Each structure stands twice: as structure tokens, then as C-alpha cells.
Amino acid sequence: LFRSTEPMGDFRYFLRVRYGECDAQKVVFNARYGDYTDLAVTEYLRALGFGEGLVDGSFDYQLVRQTTEWKSPARFDDVLEVRVHGLQVGTSSFTIACEFRRAGEDALLARSETVYVMIDANGKKPVPGPVREAVLAGIAARVDHAGWLASSSR
């Protein structure tokens, strides 16, 4: 088991809270954090260089455990910054943390840890070396809701 003590990369995913993701008080439904985590982790893996594998199915994994701790509510129209980094890599699993903040603020709104298991048609498989190294090393990138680099001039 390999464990990262400090995230090496500074990956940040930005999204705007949409009206349909909120309750009548315009507070984000708790279940939406699972959706937000999935979006942020997908973009993190894409930034690490595994985008093609995500699309063609050669990089396949299943979520096996997810915990979320809420500190303060996010609300309709907030722009959220999700900081993503790898925590640990086991034989067939890897764990990724997501920290949710309002963009430009330090206060933590929520934190999730998700354990994924690498799979193929036969079941679990070992985490490949390049995946192991990339998840633990991280990457410095800023990505918006559309998956474009925020600093890109595209």
C-alpha cells in the first residue's frame, strides 16, 4: 500500500451550482456532492492522461466506497472549487480526496474520499504502474465545468 502524505499536484475543478441541484432554500442537496465528486475525479483522471482510456473503456474502475463530511452549505449560483488529489494506492484500488470550497475562499464546505477498484471483464485487476504513479503524483491544472482548462485560450 502506497500513501501520499501531501498532494504534489494542485488540481482544481470549478463548477457553478445550478438551480435544479438545490432544495427550496437554494441549498445544494447532499446527494449532489456524489455527482460533483464524479465530475471532478473524471476530469482529474483526464488531466493525468487517462482520457482516451475513459472513453474507450481500457481504463475501467468501480466505486466501492465513498464518504462525505459536510461543514457548511453550498448554495444556488455559488462557483465551487473542488481540489482533487490522490490519497493512496493499493494492489487493485486507489483512493481520491475532493475538497469543496467556494471559489476564492479558504473555508471548507465539504470533503469526500472515494475508493475505486480497477476492473476488467474478469473482475478486479491490479492498478497499472502508470496509474499508480500518476494518482500519487497529482497534476497542476485548473479545469472548468466543460472540461476545458480555465487558462486555455481555446
Protein backbone atom coordinates (compact mmCIF):
# COMPACT_ATOMS: atom_id res chain seq x y z
CA LEU A 1 0.00 0.00 0.00
CA PHE A 2 1.39 3.36 -1.04
CA ARG A 3 0.11 6.53 0.63
CA SER A 4 0.57 10.14 -0.39
CA THR A 5 1.23 12.43 2.57
CA GLU A 6 0.92 15.69 0.64
CA PRO A 7 -0.70 16.21 -2.75
CA MET A 8 2.07 17.05 -5.19
CA GLY A 9 -0.24 18.50 -7.82
CA ASP A 10 -2.69 21.33 -7.49
CA PHE A 11 -5.69 20.10 -9.47
CA ARG A 12 -8.76 22.29 -9.17
CA TYR A 13 -12.12 21.70 -10.81
CA PHE A 14 -14.63 24.57 -10.98
CA LEU A 15 -18.40 24.31 -11.32
CA ARG A 16 -21.39 26.57 -10.80
CA VAL A 17 -24.24 25.25 -8.68
CA ARG A 18 -27.37 25.01 -10.81
CA TYR A 19 -30.89 25.66 -9.56
CA GLY A 20 -32.01 22.04 -10.08
CA GLU A 21 -29.25 20.82 -7.73
CA CYS A 22 -30.78 22.68 -4.77
CA ASP A 23 -33.70 22.41 -2.37
CA ALA A 24 -36.37 25.08 -1.82
CA GLN A 25 -33.94 27.06 0.36
CA LYS A 26 -31.44 27.07 -2.53
CA VAL A 27 -29.02 24.80 -0.63
CA VAL A 28 -27.27 22.03 -2.59
CA PHE A 29 -28.84 18.60 -1.98
CA ASN A 30 -26.38 16.36 -0.12
CA ALA A 31 -26.53 13.66 -2.82
CA ARG A 32 -25.25 16.14 -5.43
CA TYR A 33 -21.80 16.00 -3.83
CA GLY A 34 -21.51 12.46 -5.20
CA ASP A 35 -22.22 13.85 -8.67
CA TYR A 36 -19.73 16.69 -8.16
CA THR A 37 -17.09 14.23 -6.95
CA ASP A 38 -17.63 12.04 -10.01
CA LEU A 39 -17.24 15.04 -12.34
CA ALA A 40 -14.10 16.29 -10.58
CA VAL A 41 -12.43 12.85 -10.42
CA THR A 42 -13.19 12.20 -14.10
CA GLU A 43 -11.53 15.49 -15.06
CA TYR A 44 -8.61 14.74 -12.72
CA LEU A 45 -8.04 11.38 -14.42
CA ARG A 46 -8.38 13.02 -17.83
CA ALA A 47 -5.77 15.64 -16.83
CA LEU A 48 -3.47 12.83 -15.67
CA GLY A 49 -3.54 11.48 -19.24
CA PHE A 50 -6.17 8.73 -19.00
CA GLY A 51 -8.92 10.46 -21.00
CA GLU A 52 -8.72 8.16 -24.00
CA GLY A 53 -8.93 5.11 -21.73
CA LEU A 54 -12.00 6.56 -20.01
CA VAL A 55 -13.70 6.88 -23.40
CA ASP A 56 -12.66 3.58 -24.99
CA GLY A 57 -13.10 1.52 -21.81
CA SER A 58 -9.48 0.46 -21.38
CA PHE A 59 -9.30 2.43 -18.11
CA ASP A 60 -12.18 0.98 -16.13
CA TYR A 61 -12.91 1.18 -12.43
CA GLN A 62 -15.79 0.90 -9.97
CA LEU A 63 -16.60 2.99 -6.96
CA VAL A 64 -16.61 0.75 -3.87
CA ARG A 65 -16.81 3.27 -1.03
CA GLN A 66 -17.47 6.98 -0.71
CA THR A 67 -17.67 9.10 2.41
CA THR A 68 -18.56 12.76 2.56
CA GLU A 69 -18.30 15.12 5.50
CA TRP A 70 -20.22 18.40 5.28
CA LYS A 71 -19.07 21.54 7.08
CA SER A 72 -21.16 24.33 5.55
CA PRO A 73 -23.78 24.53 2.78
CA ALA A 74 -23.14 25.43 -0.83
CA ARG A 75 -25.95 27.40 -2.43
CA PHE A 76 -27.51 28.11 -5.80
CA ASP A 77 -25.20 30.05 -8.15
CA ASP A 78 -22.09 29.55 -5.99
CA VAL A 79 -18.98 28.77 -8.01
CA LEU A 80 -17.37 25.80 -6.31
CA GLU A 81 -13.70 24.92 -6.43
CA VAL A 82 -13.03 21.22 -5.96
CA ARG A 83 -9.43 20.41 -5.04
CA VAL A 84 -8.64 16.84 -6.06
CA HIS A 85 -5.70 14.65 -5.09
CA GLY A 86 -4.79 11.00 -4.71
CA LEU A 87 -4.52 9.70 -1.16
CA GLN A 88 -3.37 6.12 -1.55
CA VAL A 89 -2.98 3.25 -3.99
CA GLY A 90 -3.33 -0.39 -3.05
CA THR A 91 -2.98 -3.57 -5.13
CA SER A 92 -6.23 -3.10 -7.07
CA SER A 93 -7.66 0.09 -5.56
CA PHE A 94 -6.94 3.79 -5.35
CA THR A 95 -8.39 6.49 -3.12
CA ILE A 96 -9.03 10.06 -4.19
CA ALA A 97 -10.00 13.02 -1.99
CA CYS A 98 -12.09 16.01 -3.05
CA GLU A 99 -12.29 19.21 -1.00
CA PHE A 100 -15.12 21.61 -1.77
CA ARG A 101 -14.82 25.38 -1.30
CA ARG A 102 -16.42 28.45 -2.78
CA ALA A 103 -14.01 29.68 -5.43
CA GLY A 104 -11.60 32.19 -3.94
CA GLU A 105 -12.39 31.29 -0.33
CA ASP A 106 -10.46 29.14 2.15
CA ALA A 107 -13.39 27.80 4.20
CA LEU A 108 -14.01 24.10 3.61
CA LEU A 109 -17.63 23.31 2.69
CA ALA A 110 -17.29 19.54 2.36
CA ARG A 111 -14.74 16.77 1.86
CA SER A 112 -15.17 13.40 0.21
CA GLU A 113 -12.94 10.35 0.00
CA THR A 114 -13.69 7.78 -2.66
CA VAL A 115 -12.20 4.32 -3.08
CA TYR A 116 -12.16 2.92 -6.61
CA VAL A 117 -11.20 -0.60 -7.74
CA MET A 118 -9.65 -1.27 -11.14
CA ILE A 119 -11.64 -3.82 -13.15
CA ASP A 120 -11.81 -5.58 -16.48
CA ALA A 121 -14.23 -8.18 -17.91
CA ASN A 122 -12.88 -10.78 -15.45
CA GLY A 123 -13.25 -8.67 -12.30
CA LYS A 124 -10.63 -6.86 -10.21
CA LYS A 125 -7.22 -6.21 -11.69
CA PRO A 126 -4.03 -4.63 -10.34
CA VAL A 127 -3.58 -0.89 -10.60
CA PRO A 128 -1.16 -0.41 -13.52
CA GLY A 129 2.17 1.26 -12.70
CA PRO A 130 1.48 4.44 -14.69
CA VAL A 131 -1.87 4.89 -12.92
CA ARG A 132 -0.27 4.26 -9.52
CA GLU A 133 2.44 6.84 -10.16
CA ALA A 134 0.11 9.47 -11.66
CA VAL A 135 -2.55 9.27 -8.93
CA LEU A 136 0.05 9.71 -6.20
CA ALA A 137 1.98 12.44 -8.01
CA GLY A 138 -1.04 14.54 -8.97
CA ILE A 139 -1.03 17.30 -11.53
CA ALA A 140 -1.22 21.07 -11.51
CA ALA A 141 -4.24 22.06 -13.59
CA ARG A 142 -7.39 24.13 -13.44
CA VAL A 143 -10.44 22.78 -15.24
CA ASP A 144 -13.91 24.22 -15.57
CA HIS A 145 -17.32 22.51 -15.80
CA ALA A 146 -16.89 21.84 -19.51
CA GLY A 147 -13.54 20.11 -19.05
CA TRP A 148 -11.57 22.95 -20.62
CA LEU A 149 -8.51 24.33 -18.93
CA ALA A 150 -9.55 27.62 -17.40
CA SER A 151 -6.30 29.24 -18.54
CA SER A 152 -6.71 27.92 -22.08
CA SER A 153 -7.17 30.34 -24.94
CA ARG A 154 -9.14 27.80 -26.97
